[in-house]
Amino acid sequence: MHHSNAGGVYLAELEGRKVILKEGRQKAGIDGNGKDGFERNKKEYYTLKRLKKIEGVINVYEYFTAWQHNYIVEDFHDGRNLTEFISQEFPFTYSKNKSTQYIEKCILIINQLIRIIEEIHKKGVAMGDLSLNNIMLSDDDLRVTLIDFEAATSPGNKFNPSIATPGFFSNEAKNYKEGDWFALYRITRTLFLPIIPVYDIAPQIISVHDRRIEEIFGKTAVSFLRQIENRISKYTNLRPQSPFLNQKLSLPTKELSFDNINYIISGLQKGIINNLQVDSFSGPSRILCK
C-alpha cells in the first residue's frame, strides 16, 4: 500500500480478515531525533497495546521480527482519512444544504477527536504528530479512528518533534500535550477553510478567514470555532510566533478586489523594488532554471 525508506505498509490477511502489516527497517528512515524505522515501529506496537481499550484508536494484534526488519499487525481501516473527507465533501461551490450537512459532520468529527485525545492523554500517551492523514473516518457513520502512532510519546515530555506536519505544530509548545491540542486546533480551522495556514506569520488574517467561514457556513461555524479556541487556549498558545520572522506581518489596508486592483499592483511593484538586493547576486550562474 505504501513504501518508504523506513519500511513498507502492506495489505495482508489474518484468519480470513484484512489487516495491515507495517514494516520497520534498521538504520533507515532516520527521523529528527536519530530514531530509525525499526525503533519507531516497535514503539508504535507497545503504544497501541497500551491504548487497546480506547475507542477511536486502531487495534493492534502482533509484533515480530524477520531478518533485520520488524513488523506489527493491526486492523485494516476500510475508510478515508480527513484529507480525503475535505476534498470530497467541502462545499467548494456554495450550496446551503451542503454547507449545513458539512458543518454537522465537522462538529461530529471534532467532538470525537477531543474525546479521544483526552482519553489517550489520561493513559500517558500523546500522539506527537496529529494531522489530517492519520485521522480515519468510517464511511457509514463518520466514526473517528487514529492511526500511525510512531511519533507517540509521553504528554509531559519536552516538545521536540522527530516527525511533524508543517502547519500543524507549534514551535512554542512546551510539551507534547500542548502539541496535540495545537494540532487539533489547526485541524478544526482547516476543516472549515482548507487553505495553507498562514496564521503564524500574520495572526490578524484570522479575522478575514472567519468572515469567509461565516459567509459559507453561517454563525454556527464561527461560534463552534470560538468554543474550540476557548477550550484549547487553556492548554497552549494558539498564536505562536513564526520561527522564520523577526516580527509578525500586518494586514493590507485594502482587501484584494477588482475595485482596487491597481492599488494592489502598485503596492506589489513598490515592495519588489524596495527590497531588491542586487549586490547579493554574483551573476547568471546563481540562477537555476528548468
C-alpha atoms as a PDB file:
ATOM      1  CA  MET A   1       0.000   0.000   0.000  1.00  0.00           C
ATOM      2  CA  HIS A   2       2.912   2.317   0.677  1.00  0.00           C
ATOM      3  CA  HIS A   3       6.685   2.166   0.730  1.00  0.00           C
ATOM      4  CA  SER A   4       9.323   4.471   2.151  1.00  0.00           C
ATOM      5  CA  ASN A   5      12.917   4.276   3.314  1.00  0.00           C
ATOM      6  CA  ALA A   6      11.685   3.437   6.833  1.00  0.00           C
ATOM      7  CA  GLY A   7       9.732   0.390   5.636  1.00  0.00           C
ATOM      8  CA  GLY A   8       6.640  -0.702   3.765  1.00  0.00           C
ATOM      9  CA  VAL A   9       2.947  -0.842   4.632  1.00  0.00           C
ATOM     10  CA  TYR A  10       1.280  -3.968   3.268  1.00  0.00           C
ATOM     11  CA  LEU A  11      -2.270  -5.251   2.961  1.00  0.00           C
ATOM     12  CA  ALA A  12      -2.362  -8.767   4.414  1.00  0.00           C
ATOM     13  CA  GLU A  13      -4.797 -11.385   5.676  1.00  0.00           C
ATOM     14  CA  LEU A  14      -5.098 -12.802   9.185  1.00  0.00           C
ATOM     15  CA  GLU A  15      -7.635 -15.531   9.958  1.00  0.00           C
ATOM     16  CA  GLY A  16      -9.779 -14.555   6.994  1.00  0.00           C
ATOM     17  CA  ARG A  17      -9.853 -10.798   7.555  1.00  0.00           C
ATOM     18  CA  LYS A  18      -7.859  -7.927   6.085  1.00  0.00           C
ATOM     19  CA  VAL A  19      -5.075  -6.464   8.228  1.00  0.00           C
ATOM     20  CA  ILE A  20      -2.207  -4.033   7.816  1.00  0.00           C
ATOM     21  CA  LEU A  21       1.393  -5.191   8.083  1.00  0.00           C
ATOM     22  CA  LYS A  22       3.740  -2.316   8.954  1.00  0.00           C
ATOM     23  CA  GLU A  23       7.453  -2.813   8.440  1.00  0.00           C
ATOM     24  CA  GLY A  24      10.340  -1.138  10.259  1.00  0.00           C
ATOM     25  CA  ARG A  25      13.862  -1.194   8.857  1.00  0.00           C
ATOM     26  CA  GLN A  26      17.039  -0.819  10.902  1.00  0.00           C
ATOM     27  CA  LYS A  27      19.271   2.200  10.260  1.00  0.00           C
ATOM     28  CA  ALA A  28      16.797   3.546   7.694  1.00  0.00           C
ATOM     29  CA  GLY A  29      14.192   6.304   7.736  1.00  0.00           C
ATOM     30  CA  ILE A  30      16.096   8.273  10.372  1.00  0.00           C
ATOM     31  CA  ASP A  31      13.937  10.967  11.981  1.00  0.00           C
ATOM     32  CA  GLY A  32      14.853  14.302  13.557  1.00  0.00           C
ATOM     33  CA  ASN A  33      15.830  12.638  16.840  1.00  0.00           C
ATOM     34  CA  GLY A  34      18.011   9.966  15.238  1.00  0.00           C
ATOM     35  CA  LYS A  35      15.461   7.126  15.568  1.00  0.00           C
ATOM     36  CA  ASP A  36      15.149   4.635  12.722  1.00  0.00           C
ATOM     37  CA  GLY A  37      12.062   2.922  11.290  1.00  0.00           C
ATOM     38  CA  PHE A  38      12.711  -0.225  13.346  1.00  0.00           C
ATOM     39  CA  GLU A  39      12.671   1.636  16.665  1.00  0.00           C
ATOM     40  CA  ARG A  40       9.591   3.708  15.774  1.00  0.00           C
ATOM     41  CA  ASN A  41       7.703   0.602  14.643  1.00  0.00           C
ATOM     42  CA  LYS A  42       8.465  -1.200  17.894  1.00  0.00           C
ATOM     43  CA  LYS A  43       7.412   1.844  19.927  1.00  0.00           C
ATOM     44  CA  GLU A  44       4.152   2.088  17.969  1.00  0.00           C
ATOM     45  CA  TYR A  45       3.272  -1.521  18.804  1.00  0.00           C
ATOM     46  CA  TYR A  46       3.695  -1.069  22.556  1.00  0.00           C
ATOM     47  CA  THR A  47       1.878   2.282  22.435  1.00  0.00           C
ATOM     48  CA  LEU A  48      -1.120   0.723  20.674  1.00  0.00           C
ATOM     49  CA  LYS A  49      -1.158  -2.155  23.163  1.00  0.00           C
ATOM     50  CA  ARG A  50      -1.336   0.430  25.933  1.00  0.00           C
ATOM     51  CA  LEU A  51      -4.303   2.135  24.240  1.00  0.00           C
ATOM     52  CA  LYS A  52      -6.100  -1.086  23.283  1.00  0.00           C
ATOM     53  CA  LYS A  53      -9.305  -0.382  25.219  1.00  0.00           C
ATOM     54  CA  ILE A  54      -9.785   3.164  23.922  1.00  0.00           C
ATOM     55  CA  GLU A  55     -12.486   3.531  21.293  1.00  0.00           C
ATOM     56  CA  GLY A  56     -11.091   5.505  18.385  1.00  0.00           C
ATOM     57  CA  VAL A  57      -7.562   4.039  18.350  1.00  0.00           C
ATOM     58  CA  ILE A  58      -6.611   1.414  15.751  1.00  0.00           C
ATOM     59  CA  ASN A  59      -6.378  -2.146  17.115  1.00  0.00           C
ATOM     60  CA  VAL A  60      -3.008  -3.921  17.078  1.00  0.00           C
ATOM     61  CA  TYR A  61      -2.551  -7.719  17.174  1.00  0.00           C
ATOM     62  CA  GLU A  62       1.018  -8.865  16.795  1.00  0.00           C
ATOM     63  CA  TYR A  63       4.695  -7.892  16.722  1.00  0.00           C
ATOM     64  CA  PHE A  64       7.504  -9.964  15.223  1.00  0.00           C
ATOM     65  CA  THR A  65      10.894  -9.680  13.566  1.00  0.00           C
ATOM     66  CA  ALA A  66      12.061 -11.244  10.307  1.00  0.00           C
ATOM     67  CA  TRP A  67      15.712 -10.948   9.301  1.00  0.00           C
ATOM     68  CA  GLN A  68      16.741  -7.349  10.172  1.00  0.00           C
ATOM     69  CA  HIS A  69      13.235  -5.887   9.987  1.00  0.00           C
ATOM     70  CA  ASN A  70      10.303  -5.849  12.380  1.00  0.00           C
ATOM     71  CA  TYR A  71       6.572  -5.889  11.714  1.00  0.00           C
ATOM     72  CA  ILE A  72       3.364  -5.011  13.505  1.00  0.00           C
ATOM     73  CA  VAL A  73      -0.065  -6.345  12.557  1.00  0.00           C
ATOM     74  CA  GLU A  74      -3.031  -4.035  13.021  1.00  0.00           C
ATOM     75  CA  ASP A  75      -6.588  -3.583  11.771  1.00  0.00           C
ATOM     76  CA  PHE A  76      -7.179  -2.566   8.181  1.00  0.00           C
ATOM     77  CA  HIS A  77      -9.375   0.551   8.174  1.00  0.00           C
ATOM     78  CA  ASP A  78     -11.583   0.493   5.105  1.00  0.00           C
ATOM     79  CA  GLY A  79     -12.418   4.198   5.208  1.00  0.00           C
ATOM     80  CA  ARG A  80     -10.914   7.554   4.260  1.00  0.00           C
ATOM     81  CA  ASN A  81      -8.651   9.997   6.014  1.00  0.00           C
ATOM     82  CA  LEU A  82      -9.526  13.580   6.846  1.00  0.00           C
ATOM     83  CA  THR A  83      -7.698  14.945   3.789  1.00  0.00           C
ATOM     84  CA  GLU A  84      -9.917  12.824   1.539  1.00  0.00           C
ATOM     85  CA  PHE A  85     -13.010  13.826   3.509  1.00  0.00           C
ATOM     86  CA  ILE A  86     -12.313  17.524   2.910  1.00  0.00           C
ATOM     87  CA  SER A  87     -11.578  17.114  -0.790  1.00  0.00           C
ATOM     88  CA  GLN A  88     -14.751  15.073  -1.310  1.00  0.00           C
ATOM     89  CA  GLU A  89     -17.236  16.928   0.877  1.00  0.00           C
ATOM     90  CA  PHE A  90     -16.187  20.543   1.377  1.00  0.00           C
ATOM     91  CA  PRO A  91     -18.755  22.790  -0.404  1.00  0.00           C
ATOM     92  CA  PHE A  92     -16.305  24.462  -2.801  1.00  0.00           C
ATOM     93  CA  THR A  93     -19.337  25.564  -4.810  1.00  0.00           C
ATOM     94  CA  TYR A  94     -21.818  27.188  -2.464  1.00  0.00           C
ATOM     95  CA  SER A  95     -24.922  25.233  -1.508  1.00  0.00           C
ATOM     96  CA  LYS A  96     -26.814  25.991   1.682  1.00  0.00           C
ATOM     97  CA  ASN A  97     -27.929  22.384   2.065  1.00  0.00           C
ATOM     98  CA  LYS A  98     -24.394  21.020   1.505  1.00  0.00           C
ATOM     99  CA  SER A  99     -22.929  23.625   3.872  1.00  0.00           C
ATOM    100  CA  THR A 100     -25.349  22.659   6.640  1.00  0.00           C
ATOM    101  CA  GLN A 101     -24.599  18.961   6.218  1.00  0.00           C
ATOM    102  CA  TYR A 102     -20.843  19.583   6.106  1.00  0.00           C
ATOM    103  CA  ILE A 103     -20.717  21.634   9.305  1.00  0.00           C
ATOM    104  CA  GLU A 104     -22.753  19.000  11.151  1.00  0.00           C
ATOM    105  CA  LYS A 105     -20.238  16.358  10.062  1.00  0.00           C
ATOM    106  CA  CYS A 106     -17.287  18.542  11.106  1.00  0.00           C
ATOM    107  CA  ILE A 107     -18.712  19.130  14.584  1.00  0.00           C
ATOM    108  CA  LEU A 108     -19.273  15.385  14.971  1.00  0.00           C
ATOM    109  CA  ILE A 109     -15.671  14.647  13.925  1.00  0.00           C
ATOM    110  CA  ILE A 110     -14.048  17.281  16.151  1.00  0.00           C
ATOM    111  CA  ASN A 111     -16.048  16.298  19.228  1.00  0.00           C
ATOM    112  CA  GLN A 112     -14.878  12.702  18.765  1.00  0.00           C
ATOM    113  CA  LEU A 113     -11.268  13.866  18.402  1.00  0.00           C
ATOM    114  CA  ILE A 114     -11.486  15.879  21.615  1.00  0.00           C
ATOM    115  CA  ARG A 115     -12.749  12.821  23.496  1.00  0.00           C
ATOM    116  CA  ILE A 116     -10.029  10.540  22.036  1.00  0.00           C
ATOM    117  CA  ILE A 117      -7.204  12.998  22.752  1.00  0.00           C
ATOM    118  CA  GLU A 118      -8.390  13.417  26.342  1.00  0.00           C
ATOM    119  CA  GLU A 119      -8.508   9.642  26.828  1.00  0.00           C
ATOM    120  CA  ILE A 120      -5.078   8.854  25.360  1.00  0.00           C
ATOM    121  CA  HIS A 121      -3.526  11.648  27.428  1.00  0.00           C
ATOM    122  CA  LYS A 122      -5.032  10.089  30.555  1.00  0.00           C
ATOM    123  CA  LYS A 123      -3.307   6.854  29.525  1.00  0.00           C
ATOM    124  CA  GLY A 124       0.015   8.703  29.386  1.00  0.00           C
ATOM    125  CA  VAL A 125       0.262   8.906  25.592  1.00  0.00           C
ATOM    126  CA  ALA A 126       0.473  11.916  23.277  1.00  0.00           C
ATOM    127  CA  MET A 127       0.050  11.417  19.534  1.00  0.00           C
ATOM    128  CA  GLY A 128       3.075  13.562  18.673  1.00  0.00           C
ATOM    129  CA  ASP A 129       2.151  14.096  15.019  1.00  0.00           C
ATOM    130  CA  LEU A 130      -1.612  14.549  14.802  1.00  0.00           C
ATOM    131  CA  SER A 131      -2.562  15.567  11.261  1.00  0.00           C
ATOM    132  CA  LEU A 132      -5.234  15.164   8.595  1.00  0.00           C
ATOM    133  CA  ASN A 133      -3.682  11.988   7.210  1.00  0.00           C
ATOM    134  CA  ASN A 134      -3.663   9.911  10.406  1.00  0.00           C
ATOM    135  CA  ILE A 135      -7.313  10.560  11.248  1.00  0.00           C
ATOM    136  CA  MET A 136      -9.502   7.911   9.611  1.00  0.00           C
ATOM    137  CA  LEU A 137     -13.287   8.048   9.185  1.00  0.00           C
ATOM    138  CA  SER A 138     -15.743   5.208   8.669  1.00  0.00           C
ATOM    139  CA  ASP A 139     -17.865   5.656   5.565  1.00  0.00           C
ATOM    140  CA  ASP A 140     -21.197   4.920   7.208  1.00  0.00           C
ATOM    141  CA  ASP A 141     -21.275   6.984  10.424  1.00  0.00           C
ATOM    142  CA  LEU A 142     -18.013   9.019  10.410  1.00  0.00           C
ATOM    143  CA  ARG A 143     -16.561   7.210  13.408  1.00  0.00           C
ATOM    144  CA  VAL A 144     -13.038   8.516  14.030  1.00  0.00           C
ATOM    145  CA  THR A 145     -10.039   6.188  14.327  1.00  0.00           C
ATOM    146  CA  LEU A 146      -6.467   7.371  14.906  1.00  0.00           C
ATOM    147  CA  ILE A 147      -3.619   5.558  13.165  1.00  0.00           C
ATOM    148  CA  ASP A 148       0.175   5.997  12.926  1.00  0.00           C
ATOM    149  CA  PHE A 149       1.457   6.264  16.485  1.00  0.00           C
ATOM    150  CA  GLU A 150       5.133   6.021  15.540  1.00  0.00           C
ATOM    151  CA  ALA A 151       5.780   9.537  16.910  1.00  0.00           C
ATOM    152  CA  ALA A 152       3.851   8.911  20.151  1.00  0.00           C
ATOM    153  CA  THR A 153       5.441   9.796  23.461  1.00  0.00           C
ATOM    154  CA  SER A 154       4.556  10.940  26.986  1.00  0.00           C
ATOM    155  CA  PRO A 155       2.331  14.065  27.118  1.00  0.00           C
ATOM    156  CA  GLY A 156       4.674  15.716  29.604  1.00  0.00           C
ATOM    157  CA  ASN A 157       7.848  15.263  27.581  1.00  0.00           C
ATOM    158  CA  LYS A 158       9.516  18.394  26.236  1.00  0.00           C
ATOM    159  CA  PHE A 159       8.179  19.147  22.763  1.00  0.00           C
ATOM    160  CA  ASN A 160      10.921  18.227  20.335  1.00  0.00           C
ATOM    161  CA  PRO A 161       9.136  16.565  17.394  1.00  0.00           C
ATOM    162  CA  SER A 162      11.078  13.988  15.413  1.00  0.00           C
ATOM    163  CA  ILE A 163       8.316  13.884  12.798  1.00  0.00           C
ATOM    164  CA  ALA A 164       5.995  16.818  12.186  1.00  0.00           C
ATOM    165  CA  THR A 165       3.465  18.061   9.642  1.00  0.00           C
ATOM    166  CA  PRO A 166       4.005  21.698   8.546  1.00  0.00           C
ATOM    167  CA  GLY A 167       1.156  23.934   9.659  1.00  0.00           C
ATOM    168  CA  PHE A 168       0.037  21.571  12.423  1.00  0.00           C
ATOM    169  CA  PHE A 169       2.678  22.063  15.084  1.00  0.00           C
ATOM    170  CA  SER A 170       3.705  24.989  17.254  1.00  0.00           C
ATOM    171  CA  ASN A 171       7.337  25.892  17.875  1.00  0.00           C
ATOM    172  CA  GLU A 172       6.182  27.408  21.187  1.00  0.00           C
ATOM    173  CA  ALA A 173       4.603  24.217  22.562  1.00  0.00           C
ATOM    174  CA  LYS A 174       6.288  23.302  25.833  1.00  0.00           C
ATOM    175  CA  ASN A 175       5.318  19.613  25.806  1.00  0.00           C
ATOM    176  CA  TYR A 176       3.576  17.025  23.651  1.00  0.00           C
ATOM    177  CA  LYS A 177       0.247  17.534  25.377  1.00  0.00           C
ATOM    178  CA  GLU A 178       0.281  21.109  24.100  1.00  0.00           C
ATOM    179  CA  GLY A 179       1.418  19.828  20.713  1.00  0.00           C
ATOM    180  CA  ASP A 180      -1.607  17.545  20.346  1.00  0.00           C
ATOM    181  CA  TRP A 181      -4.080  20.249  21.312  1.00  0.00           C
ATOM    182  CA  PHE A 182      -2.485  22.782  18.976  1.00  0.00           C
ATOM    183  CA  ALA A 183      -2.678  20.284  16.094  1.00  0.00           C
ATOM    184  CA  LEU A 184      -6.356  19.685  16.864  1.00  0.00           C
ATOM    185  CA  TYR A 185      -6.991  23.436  16.739  1.00  0.00           C
ATOM    186  CA  ARG A 186      -5.343  23.750  13.327  1.00  0.00           C
ATOM    187  CA  ILE A 187      -7.256  20.709  12.060  1.00  0.00           C
ATOM    188  CA  THR A 188     -10.525  22.337  13.140  1.00  0.00           C
ATOM    189  CA  ARG A 189      -9.743  25.515  11.228  1.00  0.00           C
ATOM    190  CA  THR A 190      -8.635  23.548   8.177  1.00  0.00           C
ATOM    191  CA  LEU A 191     -11.947  21.690   8.080  1.00  0.00           C
ATOM    192  CA  PHE A 192     -13.802  24.972   7.747  1.00  0.00           C
ATOM    193  CA  LEU A 193     -11.298  26.684   5.443  1.00  0.00           C
ATOM    194  CA  PRO A 194      -8.945  24.221   3.709  1.00  0.00           C
ATOM    195  CA  ILE A 195      -6.067  26.505   2.767  1.00  0.00           C
ATOM    196  CA  ILE A 196      -2.413  26.691   3.771  1.00  0.00           C
ATOM    197  CA  PRO A 197      -2.195  28.010   7.375  1.00  0.00           C
ATOM    198  CA  VAL A 198      -0.645  31.476   7.396  1.00  0.00           C
ATOM    199  CA  TYR A 199      -1.690  32.470  10.928  1.00  0.00           C
ATOM    200  CA  ASP A 200       1.848  32.171  12.273  1.00  0.00           C
ATOM    201  CA  ILE A 201       3.159  34.965  10.056  1.00  0.00           C
ATOM    202  CA  ALA A 202       0.022  37.145  10.116  1.00  0.00           C
ATOM    203  CA  PRO A 203      -2.326  36.288  13.014  1.00  0.00           C
ATOM    204  CA  GLN A 204      -4.730  39.116  12.140  1.00  0.00           C
ATOM    205  CA  ILE A 205      -5.641  37.215   8.967  1.00  0.00           C
ATOM    206  CA  ILE A 206      -7.856  35.006  11.138  1.00  0.00           C
ATOM    207  CA  SER A 207     -10.499  37.763  11.204  1.00  0.00           C
ATOM    208  CA  VAL A 208     -10.590  37.717   7.393  1.00  0.00           C
ATOM    209  CA  HIS A 209     -10.811  33.927   7.346  1.00  0.00           C
ATOM    210  CA  ASP A 210     -13.610  33.934   9.926  1.00  0.00           C
ATOM    211  CA  ARG A 211     -15.643  36.292   7.761  1.00  0.00           C
ATOM    212  CA  ARG A 212     -15.239  33.883   4.854  1.00  0.00           C
ATOM    213  CA  ILE A 213     -16.225  30.930   7.050  1.00  0.00           C
ATOM    214  CA  GLU A 214     -19.322  32.801   8.172  1.00  0.00           C
ATOM    215  CA  GLU A 215     -20.226  33.554   4.547  1.00  0.00           C
ATOM    216  CA  ILE A 216     -20.105  29.849   3.694  1.00  0.00           C
ATOM    217  CA  PHE A 217     -21.436  28.212   6.871  1.00  0.00           C
ATOM    218  CA  GLY A 218     -23.110  30.968   8.870  1.00  0.00           C
ATOM    219  CA  LYS A 219     -22.646  31.988  12.502  1.00  0.00           C
ATOM    220  CA  THR A 220     -22.895  28.401  13.773  1.00  0.00           C
ATOM    221  CA  ALA A 221     -19.461  27.542  12.375  1.00  0.00           C
ATOM    222  CA  VAL A 222     -17.769  30.646  13.804  1.00  0.00           C
ATOM    223  CA  SER A 223     -19.432  30.052  17.172  1.00  0.00           C
ATOM    224  CA  PHE A 224     -18.147  26.475  17.182  1.00  0.00           C
ATOM    225  CA  LEU A 225     -14.627  27.677  16.323  1.00  0.00           C
ATOM    226  CA  ARG A 226     -14.774  30.089  19.272  1.00  0.00           C
ATOM    227  CA  GLN A 227     -15.775  27.240  21.592  1.00  0.00           C
ATOM    228  CA  ILE A 228     -12.827  25.163  20.377  1.00  0.00           C
ATOM    229  CA  GLU A 229     -10.450  28.116  20.729  1.00  0.00           C
ATOM    230  CA  ASN A 230     -11.621  28.830  24.289  1.00  0.00           C
ATOM    231  CA  ARG A 231     -11.199  25.188  25.217  1.00  0.00           C
ATOM    232  CA  ILE A 232      -7.780  24.628  23.648  1.00  0.00           C
ATOM    233  CA  SER A 233      -6.315  28.008  24.656  1.00  0.00           C
ATOM    234  CA  LYS A 234      -6.270  26.646  28.232  1.00  0.00           C
ATOM    235  CA  TYR A 235      -3.582  24.207  27.116  1.00  0.00           C
ATOM    236  CA  THR A 236      -1.449  26.121  24.638  1.00  0.00           C
ATOM    237  CA  ASN A 237      -0.822  29.417  22.861  1.00  0.00           C
ATOM    238  CA  LEU A 238      -2.899  29.471  19.664  1.00  0.00           C
ATOM    239  CA  ARG A 239      -0.905  32.361  18.124  1.00  0.00           C
ATOM    240  CA  PRO A 240       2.765  31.303  18.223  1.00  0.00           C
ATOM    241  CA  GLN A 241       5.493  33.429  16.702  1.00  0.00           C
ATOM    242  CA  SER A 242       6.811  32.094  13.398  1.00  0.00           C
ATOM    243  CA  PRO A 243      10.457  30.949  13.721  1.00  0.00           C
ATOM    244  CA  PHE A 244      11.127  32.412  10.269  1.00  0.00           C
ATOM    245  CA  LEU A 245      10.187  36.030  11.024  1.00  0.00           C
ATOM    246  CA  ASN A 246      11.501  38.677  13.381  1.00  0.00           C
ATOM    247  CA  GLN A 247       8.028  40.134  13.663  1.00  0.00           C
ATOM    248  CA  LYS A 248       4.517  39.211  12.607  1.00  0.00           C
ATOM    249  CA  LEU A 249       3.073  40.671   9.435  1.00  0.00           C
ATOM    250  CA  SER A 250       0.140  43.072   9.393  1.00  0.00           C
ATOM    251  CA  LEU A 251      -2.863  43.010   7.086  1.00  0.00           C
ATOM    252  CA  PRO A 252      -3.075  45.190   3.961  1.00  0.00           C
ATOM    253  CA  THR A 253      -5.088  48.373   4.414  1.00  0.00           C
ATOM    254  CA  LYS A 254      -7.296  47.313   1.500  1.00  0.00           C
ATOM    255  CA  GLU A 255      -8.566  43.873   0.598  1.00  0.00           C
ATOM    256  CA  LEU A 256      -7.952  42.379  -2.816  1.00  0.00           C
ATOM    257  CA  SER A 257     -10.796  43.148  -5.210  1.00  0.00           C
ATOM    258  CA  PHE A 258     -11.355  44.339  -8.762  1.00  0.00           C
ATOM    259  CA  ASP A 259     -12.187  47.804  -7.404  1.00  0.00           C
ATOM    260  CA  ASN A 260      -8.670  48.345  -6.039  1.00  0.00           C
ATOM    261  CA  ILE A 261      -6.615  46.096  -8.340  1.00  0.00           C
ATOM    262  CA  ASN A 262      -4.415  48.980  -9.498  1.00  0.00           C
ATOM    263  CA  TYR A 263      -3.616  49.858  -5.888  1.00  0.00           C
ATOM    264  CA  ILE A 264      -2.621  46.243  -5.195  1.00  0.00           C
ATOM    265  CA  ILE A 265      -0.411  46.040  -8.306  1.00  0.00           C
ATOM    266  CA  SER A 266       1.290  49.317  -7.389  1.00  0.00           C
ATOM    267  CA  GLY A 267       1.965  48.051  -3.882  1.00  0.00           C
ATOM    268  CA  LEU A 268       3.479  44.807  -5.190  1.00  0.00           C
ATOM    269  CA  GLN A 269       5.745  46.768  -7.531  1.00  0.00           C
ATOM    270  CA  LYS A 270       6.960  49.003  -4.728  1.00  0.00           C
ATOM    271  CA  GLY A 271       7.524  46.026  -2.440  1.00  0.00           C
ATOM    272  CA  ILE A 272       9.660  44.238  -5.034  1.00  0.00           C
ATOM    273  CA  ILE A 273      11.709  47.349  -5.927  1.00  0.00           C
ATOM    274  CA  ASN A 274      12.258  48.451  -2.316  1.00  0.00           C
ATOM    275  CA  ASN A 275      13.513  45.015  -1.284  1.00  0.00           C
ATOM    276  CA  LEU A 276      15.761  44.206  -4.233  1.00  0.00           C
ATOM    277  CA  GLN A 277      19.303  43.313  -3.177  1.00  0.00           C
ATOM    278  CA  VAL A 278      21.128  43.499  -6.480  1.00  0.00           C
ATOM    279  CA  ASP A 279      24.574  43.154  -4.895  1.00  0.00           C
ATOM    280  CA  SER A 280      23.657  39.752  -3.438  1.00  0.00           C
ATOM    281  CA  PHE A 281      23.751  38.157  -6.918  1.00  0.00           C
ATOM    282  CA  SER A 282      27.076  37.185  -8.440  1.00  0.00           C
ATOM    283  CA  GLY A 283      25.728  36.611 -11.922  1.00  0.00           C
ATOM    284  CA  PRO A 284      23.620  34.282 -14.022  1.00  0.00           C
ATOM    285  CA  SER A 285      25.401  31.227 -12.607  1.00  0.00           C
ATOM    286  CA  ARG A 286      23.409  31.738  -9.365  1.00  0.00           C
ATOM    287  CA  ILE A 287      20.080  31.285 -11.145  1.00  0.00           C
ATOM    288  CA  LEU A 288      18.884  27.767 -11.915  1.00  0.00           C
ATOM    289  CA  CYS A 289      16.102  27.325 -14.449  1.00  0.00           C
ATOM    290  CA  LYS A 290      14.245  24.340 -15.839  1.00  0.00           C
END
